[in-house]
Structure formats: structure tokens, C-alpha cells
Protein backbone atom coordinates (compact mmCIF):
# COMPACT_ATOMS: atom_id res chain seq x y z
CA MET A 1 4.61 26.05 6.21
CA VAL A 2 6.84 28.21 4.02
CA THR A 3 6.24 31.82 2.92
CA SER A 4 7.91 34.38 0.67
CA ASN A 5 7.36 37.97 -0.40
CA ARG A 6 8.68 37.37 -3.89
CA SER A 7 6.14 37.16 -6.67
CA GLU A 8 5.85 36.33 -10.32
CA THR A 9 2.85 36.03 -12.57
CA LEU A 10 1.04 32.77 -11.91
CA THR A 11 0.86 32.13 -15.62
CA ASP A 12 4.65 32.07 -15.92
CA VAL A 13 5.01 29.98 -12.78
CA ARG A 14 2.50 27.45 -14.06
CA LYS A 15 4.56 27.02 -17.22
CA GLU A 16 7.80 26.49 -15.30
CA LEU A 17 6.34 24.26 -12.61
CA GLU A 18 6.38 21.14 -14.77
CA SER A 19 10.01 21.47 -15.80
CA GLU A 20 11.08 21.99 -12.19
CA ALA A 21 9.08 18.95 -11.12
CA LYS A 22 10.70 16.83 -13.83
CA ARG A 23 14.13 18.02 -12.72
CA LEU A 24 13.33 16.82 -9.20
CA GLY A 25 12.36 13.36 -10.42
CA PHE A 26 8.58 13.57 -10.78
CA ASP A 27 7.12 11.87 -13.84
CA SER A 28 3.89 13.85 -13.98
CA ILE A 29 2.44 16.97 -12.36
CA LYS A 30 -1.04 18.48 -12.58
CA VAL A 31 -3.19 21.00 -10.71
CA ALA A 32 -6.66 20.49 -9.24
CA ALA A 33 -9.11 22.87 -7.62
CA ALA A 34 -9.44 22.52 -3.86
CA ASP A 35 -12.78 20.75 -3.83
CA LEU A 36 -14.27 17.28 -4.26
CA ALA A 37 -17.39 16.24 -6.10
CA PRO A 38 -20.42 15.12 -4.03
CA ASP A 39 -20.16 11.64 -5.60
CA THR A 40 -16.65 11.28 -4.19
CA THR A 41 -17.59 12.19 -0.64
CA ARG A 42 -20.70 10.02 -0.86
CA ALA A 43 -18.62 7.01 -1.93
CA PHE A 44 -16.22 7.60 0.96
CA ASP A 45 -19.07 7.84 3.46
CA GLU A 46 -20.56 4.59 2.13
CA PHE A 47 -17.17 2.90 2.48
CA VAL A 48 -16.91 3.88 6.15
CA ALA A 49 -20.57 3.15 6.91
CA ALA A 50 -20.12 -0.40 5.59
CA GLY A 51 -17.12 -0.94 7.86
CA TYR A 52 -14.89 -1.68 4.87
CA GLN A 53 -11.99 0.15 6.55
CA GLY A 54 -11.59 -2.64 9.11
CA ASP A 55 -8.89 -1.81 11.69
CA MET A 56 -8.12 1.51 10.02
CA ALA A 57 -10.15 3.48 12.55
CA TRP A 58 -8.47 6.74 11.61
CA MET A 59 -10.43 6.82 8.35
CA ALA A 60 -13.67 7.30 10.24
CA GLU A 61 -12.09 9.49 12.92
CA THR A 62 -10.81 11.95 10.30
CA ALA A 63 -13.82 11.70 7.97
CA ASP A 64 -14.77 15.37 8.28
CA ARG A 65 -11.35 16.50 7.08
CA ARG A 66 -11.22 13.88 4.31
CA ARG A 67 -14.46 15.06 2.74
CA SER A 68 -13.04 18.44 1.78
CA PRO A 69 -9.50 19.83 1.32
CA THR A 70 -10.69 23.12 2.82
CA ALA A 71 -11.78 21.28 5.96
CA LEU A 72 -8.17 20.16 6.32
CA TRP A 73 -6.83 23.65 5.57
CA ALA A 74 -9.28 26.52 5.14
CA ASP A 75 -6.88 28.68 3.12
CA VAL A 76 -6.08 26.20 0.35
CA LYS A 77 -6.99 27.41 -3.15
CA SER A 78 -5.23 24.90 -5.40
CA ILE A 79 -3.76 21.40 -5.09
CA ILE A 80 -0.66 20.48 -7.08
CA THR A 81 -0.56 16.72 -7.52
CA VAL A 82 2.58 14.85 -8.52
CA ALA A 83 3.24 11.28 -9.54
CA VAL A 84 6.35 9.10 -9.55
CA ASN A 85 6.39 5.98 -11.69
CA TYR A 86 7.62 2.80 -9.99
CA GLY A 87 6.85 0.32 -12.76
CA PRO A 88 8.55 -3.08 -12.23
CA ASP A 89 10.92 -4.63 -14.74
CA GLN A 90 9.10 -7.98 -14.63
CA ASP A 91 5.61 -9.31 -14.06
CA PRO A 92 4.97 -9.51 -10.28
CA LEU A 93 2.49 -12.34 -10.84
CA ALA A 94 5.28 -14.70 -11.93
CA LEU A 95 6.64 -14.89 -8.38
CA LEU A 96 3.38 -16.37 -7.13
CA GLU A 97 4.32 -19.65 -8.80
CA HIS A 98 7.43 -20.00 -6.62
CA ARG A 99 5.71 -21.08 -3.46
CA ASP A 100 8.89 -21.35 -1.36
CA ARG A 101 9.67 -17.68 -2.02
CA ALA A 102 8.10 -14.58 -0.49
CA ALA A 103 6.13 -12.17 -2.65
CA ILE A 104 6.70 -8.64 -1.34
CA SER A 105 4.71 -5.95 -3.10
CA VAL A 106 6.71 -4.15 -5.79
CA TYR A 107 6.43 -0.77 -4.07
CA ALA A 108 8.00 -2.05 -0.84
CA ARG A 109 11.19 -3.62 -2.21
CA GLY A 110 13.22 -0.40 -2.09
CA LYS A 111 13.39 2.72 0.05
CA ASP A 112 10.20 3.98 1.65
CA TYR A 113 8.50 6.12 -0.98
CA HIS A 114 7.08 8.42 1.69
CA ASP A 115 10.59 9.60 2.56
CA VAL A 116 11.89 9.65 -1.01
CA ILE A 117 8.99 11.63 -2.45
CA LYS A 118 8.43 13.99 0.47
CA LYS A 119 12.01 15.24 0.31
CA ARG A 120 11.58 16.12 -3.37
CA LEU A 121 8.10 17.50 -2.86
CA LYS A 122 9.33 19.88 -0.17
CA ALA A 123 11.99 21.09 -2.57
CA LEU A 124 9.34 21.73 -5.23
CA ALA A 125 7.18 23.56 -2.68
CA ARG A 126 10.10 25.79 -1.69
CA TRP A 127 10.72 26.57 -5.36
CA LEU A 128 7.06 27.52 -5.79
CA VAL A 129 7.12 29.87 -2.81
CA ASP A 130 10.35 31.45 -3.99
CA GLN A 131 8.83 32.09 -7.41
CA ALA A 132 5.29 33.14 -6.53
CA GLY A 133 4.88 33.49 -2.79
CA GLY A 134 1.86 32.10 -1.02
CA ASP A 135 1.74 29.43 1.66
CA VAL A 136 2.07 25.69 1.10
CA LYS A 137 1.56 22.38 2.87
CA VAL A 138 3.03 19.11 1.62
CA PHE A 139 1.47 15.64 1.93
CA VAL A 140 2.59 12.16 0.89
CA ASP A 141 -0.03 9.76 2.24
CA THR A 142 0.46 11.31 5.69
CA ALA A 143 -2.76 13.26 6.23
CA PRO A 144 -6.52 12.81 5.78
CA VAL A 145 -6.40 13.52 2.04
CA LEU A 146 -8.43 11.61 -0.56
CA GLU A 147 -5.47 11.72 -2.90
CA LYS A 148 -6.74 9.45 -5.66
CA PRO A 149 -9.93 11.44 -6.35
CA ILE A 150 -7.84 14.62 -6.24
CA ALA A 151 -5.37 13.10 -8.71
CA GLN A 152 -8.26 12.22 -11.02
CA ASN A 153 -9.62 15.76 -10.74
CA ALA A 154 -6.18 17.04 -11.71
CA GLY A 155 -5.93 14.73 -14.72
CA LEU A 156 -3.13 12.42 -13.55
CA GLY A 157 -5.31 9.37 -14.15
CA TRP A 158 -8.59 7.85 -13.04
CA GLN A 159 -9.66 5.55 -10.23
CA GLY A 160 -10.12 2.15 -11.79
CA LYS A 161 -12.54 -0.52 -10.74
CA HIS A 162 -9.89 -1.71 -8.24
CA THR A 163 -10.08 1.80 -6.66
CA ASN A 164 -6.43 2.53 -7.48
CA LEU A 165 -5.26 5.23 -9.86
CA VAL A 166 -4.68 4.21 -13.48
CA SER A 167 -2.74 6.32 -15.95
CA ARG A 168 -2.78 6.09 -19.72
CA ALA A 169 0.95 6.82 -19.65
CA PHE A 170 2.11 4.71 -16.69
CA GLY A 171 -0.55 2.10 -16.05
CA SER A 172 -1.12 1.26 -12.39
CA TRP A 173 2.35 1.98 -11.03
CA LEU A 174 2.27 5.49 -9.54
CA PHE A 175 3.15 7.03 -6.20
CA LEU A 176 1.26 10.23 -5.43
CA GLY A 177 1.95 13.40 -3.49
CA GLU A 178 0.24 16.77 -3.02
CA ILE A 179 1.16 20.39 -2.46
CA PHE A 180 -1.71 22.40 -1.00
CA THR A 181 -1.21 26.07 -1.82
CA THR A 182 -2.95 29.38 -1.24
CA LEU A 183 -2.10 30.35 -4.81
CA ASP A 184 -5.04 30.35 -7.20
CA LEU A 185 -3.57 28.26 -10.03
CA THR A 186 -5.47 27.31 -13.18
CA PRO A 187 -6.60 23.67 -12.79
CA ASP A 188 -5.97 21.02 -15.41
CA PRO A 189 -8.87 19.10 -16.98
CA ALA A 190 -10.00 16.07 -15.00
CA GLU A 191 -9.32 12.61 -16.42
CA SER A 192 -12.26 10.47 -17.50
CA ASP A 193 -12.74 6.77 -16.76
CA HIS A 194 -11.21 4.47 -19.37
CA CYS A 195 -11.92 1.08 -17.78
CA GLY A 196 -14.78 0.34 -20.15
CA GLY A 197 -16.18 -3.17 -19.80
CA CYS A 198 -12.93 -4.62 -18.44
CA GLN A 199 -13.02 -6.17 -14.98
CA ALA A 200 -9.75 -8.08 -14.99
CA CYS A 201 -8.74 -6.51 -11.67
CA LEU A 202 -11.95 -7.71 -10.02
CA ASP A 203 -11.73 -11.22 -11.42
CA ILE A 204 -8.13 -11.85 -10.36
CA CYS A 205 -8.54 -10.86 -6.69
CA PRO A 206 -7.70 -14.01 -4.67
CA THR A 207 -10.00 -13.10 -1.77
CA SER A 208 -12.91 -11.51 -3.66
CA ALA A 209 -12.28 -8.19 -1.92
CA PHE A 210 -14.40 -6.18 -4.38
CA PRO A 211 -18.11 -6.35 -3.55
CA ALA A 212 -18.75 -4.26 -6.68
CA PRO A 213 -16.73 -2.32 -9.25
CA TYR A 214 -15.09 0.73 -7.65
CA ARG A 215 -15.79 -0.68 -4.17
CA LEU A 216 -13.15 -2.34 -1.97
CA ASP A 217 -13.77 -4.23 1.25
CA ALA A 218 -10.37 -3.79 2.86
CA ARG A 219 -11.14 -6.50 5.41
CA ARG A 220 -10.71 -9.09 2.63
CA CYS A 221 -7.83 -7.37 0.83
CA ILE A 222 -4.44 -9.10 1.15
CA SER A 223 -2.65 -5.75 1.28
CA TYR A 224 -4.78 -4.78 4.27
CA LEU A 225 -4.46 -8.18 5.94
CA THR A 226 -0.68 -8.30 5.67
CA ILE A 227 0.00 -4.65 6.49
CA GLU A 228 -2.79 -2.96 8.45
CA HIS A 229 -4.50 -5.85 10.25
CA LYS A 230 -2.99 -6.26 13.69
CA GLY A 231 -4.63 -9.48 14.83
CA HIS A 232 -4.84 -13.09 13.74
CA ILE A 233 -5.81 -13.35 10.08
CA PRO A 234 -9.19 -15.07 9.57
CA ARG A 235 -8.77 -18.78 8.87
CA ASP A 236 -10.92 -18.77 5.75
CA LEU A 237 -8.69 -16.16 4.11
CA ARG A 238 -5.31 -17.71 4.92
CA PRO A 239 -5.26 -20.36 2.14
CA LEU A 240 -6.11 -17.62 -0.38
CA MET A 241 -3.06 -15.52 0.46
CA GLY A 242 -0.55 -17.82 -1.22
CA ASN A 243 3.02 -16.60 -0.71
CA ARG A 244 2.12 -12.91 -0.43
CA VAL A 245 3.78 -11.72 2.79
CA TYR A 246 3.54 -7.93 2.38
CA GLY A 247 0.94 -6.41 0.13
CA CYS A 248 -0.53 -7.74 -3.09
CA ASP A 249 0.00 -6.56 -6.68
CA ASP A 250 -2.52 -8.79 -8.46
CA CYS A 251 -5.18 -6.20 -9.33
CA LEU A 252 -2.51 -3.71 -10.37
CA ALA A 253 -0.43 -6.12 -12.43
CA VAL A 254 -3.32 -7.49 -14.49
CA CYS A 255 -4.55 -4.07 -15.70
CA PRO A 256 -4.44 -3.87 -19.53
CA TRP A 257 -3.29 -0.25 -19.33
CA ASN A 258 0.07 -1.56 -18.10
CA LYS A 259 0.95 -2.17 -21.74
CA PHE A 260 1.90 1.51 -21.71
CA ALA A 261 3.74 1.26 -18.40
CA GLN A 262 7.42 2.09 -18.13
CA VAL A 263 10.05 0.73 -15.78
CA GLY A 264 10.69 3.10 -12.89
CA THR A 265 13.97 5.00 -13.05
CA LEU A 266 14.28 6.92 -9.77
CA PRO A 267 17.42 5.42 -8.16
CA ASP A 268 16.14 5.72 -4.58
CA LEU A 269 13.14 3.55 -5.42
CA MET A 270 15.00 0.72 -7.12
CA PRO A 271 14.23 -2.72 -5.61
CA ARG A 272 16.82 -4.35 -3.38
CA LEU A 273 17.92 -7.75 -4.66
CA GLU A 274 17.51 -9.43 -1.28
CA LEU A 275 13.83 -8.37 -1.17
CA THR A 276 12.91 -9.49 -4.68
CA ALA A 277 12.31 -13.19 -3.95
CA PRO A 278 13.62 -14.14 -0.49
CA ARG A 279 13.15 -17.66 0.85
CA LEU A 280 10.22 -18.01 3.21
CA VAL A 281 12.13 -20.26 5.59
CA ASP A 282 14.84 -17.61 5.99
CA LEU A 283 12.32 -14.85 6.73
CA ALA A 284 10.56 -17.01 9.31
CA GLN A 285 13.73 -17.17 11.39
CA LEU A 286 14.14 -13.39 11.74
CA ASP A 287 14.25 -12.07 15.29
CA ASP A 288 13.44 -8.43 15.95
CA ALA A 289 17.00 -7.19 15.38
CA ASP A 290 17.37 -9.19 12.17
CA PHE A 291 14.02 -7.93 10.92
CA ARG A 292 14.94 -4.30 11.57
CA ALA A 293 18.31 -4.70 9.87
CA LEU A 294 16.91 -6.41 6.77
CA PHE A 295 14.05 -3.98 6.23
CA ALA A 296 15.69 -0.75 7.42
CA GLY A 297 14.50 2.18 5.32
CA THR A 298 11.74 0.20 3.59
CA PRO A 299 7.95 0.35 4.08
CA VAL A 300 8.00 -3.23 5.45
CA LYS A 301 9.70 -2.14 8.66
CA ARG A 302 6.60 -0.36 9.93
CA VAL A 303 4.58 -3.58 10.41
CA GLY A 304 7.10 -4.94 12.90
CA ARG A 305 8.65 -8.37 13.18
CA ASP A 306 5.68 -10.17 14.73
CA ARG A 307 3.12 -9.22 12.09
CA PHE A 308 5.58 -9.89 9.31
CA VAL A 309 6.53 -13.36 10.60
CA ARG A 310 2.80 -14.07 11.01
CA ASN A 311 2.43 -13.41 7.29
CA VAL A 312 5.48 -15.53 6.43
CA LEU A 313 4.13 -18.49 8.43
CA ILE A 314 0.84 -18.35 6.57
CA ALA A 315 2.79 -18.40 3.31
CA ILE A 316 4.79 -21.40 4.53
CA GLY A 317 1.55 -23.16 5.42
CA ASN A 318 0.28 -22.51 1.92
CA SER A 319 3.53 -23.83 0.42
CA ALA A 320 3.12 -27.19 2.23
CA ALA A 321 6.93 -27.29 2.45
CA GLN A 322 7.73 -30.11 4.85
CA ASP A 323 11.39 -29.04 5.02
CA ALA A 324 10.21 -25.97 6.94
CA SER A 325 8.65 -28.09 9.66
CA SER A 326 11.41 -27.66 12.26
CA VAL A 327 11.48 -23.88 11.84
CA VAL A 328 7.71 -23.66 12.14
CA GLU A 329 7.63 -25.93 15.19
CA LYS A 330 10.14 -23.71 16.97
CA LEU A 331 7.89 -20.70 16.36
CA CYS A 332 4.99 -22.47 18.08
CA LYS A 333 6.80 -21.38 21.26
CA ASP A 334 7.52 -17.81 20.13
CA PRO A 335 6.96 -15.03 22.73
CA SER A 336 4.40 -13.42 20.41
CA ALA A 337 0.92 -14.96 20.50
CA LEU A 338 0.40 -13.59 16.99
CA VAL A 339 3.36 -15.61 15.74
CA ARG A 340 2.43 -18.71 17.75
CA GLY A 341 -1.08 -18.77 16.31
CA ALA A 342 0.18 -18.60 12.74
CA ALA A 343 2.86 -21.17 13.50
CA VAL A 344 0.32 -23.69 14.83
CA TRP A 345 -1.78 -23.29 11.69
CA ALA A 346 1.28 -23.59 9.44
CA LEU A 347 2.58 -26.68 11.25
CA ALA A 348 -0.73 -28.43 10.76
CA ARG A 349 -0.37 -27.74 7.02
CA VAL A 350 3.26 -28.78 6.55
CA ASN A 351 3.45 -31.63 9.08
CA ARG A 352 0.07 -32.53 10.48
CA ALA A 353 1.34 -35.64 12.26
CA ARG A 354 3.81 -33.59 14.27
CA ALA A 355 1.18 -30.94 14.98
CA GLU A 356 -1.15 -33.60 16.37
CA VAL A 357 1.60 -34.86 18.67
CA LEU A 358 2.28 -31.37 20.01
CA ALA A 359 -1.36 -30.38 20.36
CA ASP A 360 -1.82 -32.15 23.69
CA THR A 361 1.30 -30.67 25.31
CA LEU A 362 1.78 -27.21 23.85
CA GLY A 363 -1.93 -26.71 23.35
CA SER A 364 -2.72 -27.40 26.99
CA GLN A 365 0.06 -25.04 28.13
CA GLU A 366 -0.99 -22.16 25.88
CA SER A 367 -2.10 -19.01 27.70
CA ASP A 368 -3.65 -17.14 24.77
CA GLU A 369 -7.21 -18.15 23.93
CA GLU A 370 -6.90 -17.55 20.21
CA VAL A 371 -3.77 -19.67 20.01
CA ARG A 372 -5.46 -22.41 22.04
CA SER A 373 -8.25 -22.39 19.47
CA GLU A 374 -5.65 -22.99 16.76
CA TRP A 375 -4.41 -26.05 18.61
CA ARG A 376 -7.97 -27.30 19.11
CA ALA A 377 -8.65 -26.94 15.39
CA ILE A 378 -5.97 -29.53 14.54
């Protein structure tokens, strides 16, 4: 929390806020009142009641604070919402055709946006306090904040049928951040829904993760499965994941509003070449040290080597690449049961004859029940 005794008329500050935000690298900035509509909180409660959050237990545990910004911080009067465009320079869907390559979500190919944006957002918050006083708190997807409804209230965009924010200026490619402030700033007009009759985002979803428009069942979402889900991925969903090893951009990439999208320009968020289309067989051979070195400073690092290699093995299984057989077989003996289970499944897909030979020996020696069930399924 930062404070200052200096003051300036809020009207003047409001006018200068946008130019300071642009100077710091933000593409859009708006202000919302510190409240949420009953429909928003009702939709969130229905999401949790249905169990759509899956392993993300913190969503239910922090539900009281998510329902209202003032429950998170009683003194907040206004919420300044910012957006950074990270639009890709090519269609992410094209990579799905290259089955021997790994599809890493566009947002995760460069530096971790949490770190990049929070540093700039803190600088903007300090500027605000210096100019107008008040207290502030800064959030970048790090607190129980329903940031997409808040962004819609502020006029940054609207929540599309895929539940992500859509902007008429930037399409689907926006990172968000918030400054909660005790200053009573004039809010911007909320954005209305411009999805119309389009449901391209719903139709393209490989796993049918949308039970209805504006409703997401995270338990079927590839982004959730590859990032948040800590266990073995359900067998019926594995063939639908293709070569997506971290996240999924399908519902974002297909949005017609992307015709207005722009390529991201913030240098710190530029994609690293080695993460744009790496070979699956190379990623499968990463040990923990190699994994940490390759993904240092990126969002991918937080899932850890075992979960990531699990995802890579499923992608290899979907590629049916027999030349990966020896690498996959070696991972059937990996120290991680999570990796072993995925490796058994992948081996049965790329070299079933070899998997059948190993099933009697390795399967009988396996200590983990879930991995034994993978061997029995061959």
C-alpha cells in the first residue's frame, strides 16, 4: 500500500491517467465503480456450485471475497483497469497441423505477463498516489478478483461466449490488471455484448468444454487440463488434446473480432523462438534442470517438469510418431508416476506391439495403481 499527502483535482488526474498509462506500455485503461452486478455474482456462484472449477479449490474458498471488491478491500472506491495487447503475428491454429511440434499457448511463449505487467502497474499506482493521494492496491491475476466482469464494467471489452474478454480494438488478445484505489474517480461507461449470433468459439472447442454460451466447464478445458490439473488426464479427453502441451488458443483465435486485432509490441512479452514450435520428442527428454532452464521466466515454469512432460507425452501419443518410441519407452520407467502413466498410454499409441511386450514385465512391477491401470488397458 502506498500513500501520499499531495493532491490534485481528480478531474485533472483522470485526464492525465491515460497518457501516463500509455507511456508505461498499457494499450488501454478505463475506470469502473467498485461493485459487481447481481447477475455476475450469480453466474460465479452457479459456476462453483456445478463444480466447473475442478481442482481450482481456491475459487470456492475465496468466493466471499470474489463476489464483491469491497469484500476484498472495504475502502476501495474505484477500480482502474488496464489492458496490454499480446496479439500474435500469425494464426495459432496453423501449428495444430504440425503434429510433431508442440503448441504452447501464445501468452506463454515469452516472459511471464504477471511479472511484466505488475512492475508497470505499480509504477502507474505510484504516479497516481503522487498526483492525487489516496491508497492503492495492485492486482495482476494474483487475488480473488473477478477481473473480466470488472473490465467489462469499465468498458475495456465484454465477456464473450467463451467467457474471455473481447475488445473491439484488440480482439481476444488482452492481459488485464487492476488498481484498487480509495479515490472516487468517475467511471467509464460499461461495454455491451457484441457477440450477436456468432458461436464460433463454442463450435471450435476440441473437448466441448462449453455446456452453454457464457458457461465454461474447466474440467474439460485443455488450458485447465494442461496447466491446473495435477493428476492423470482423463483417457477420453487425451485424444482430443492434439499437440497442445500448455494451454489452448482455439476459442480465442477463431473470434471474428480478431480482424481488428494488432500484433503485440511490448518487448518483454515477445515470444521466444525456441518456444514457438519446439519438437515434441525434444521436450519429452527434459529432466527437471533442463525444464527449469528452458522455461525460466515464462508462465510454463510454474507447472513443473512432471506435469509438462505428461502433456508432451499425450501429444506424442496423438501424433502417432513411431520414431518417438524409444524416448517414450524410457519414460515408462520415470520416477514420476504422472509421467509413467502418460508414457504407457503414449507408447500404446505409437508402438502398440512394444507396449504389449512390456505390459507383462513393467506392468506387474508398477507400484502406482493408476499407472497399473494404464498397463492393463493395453
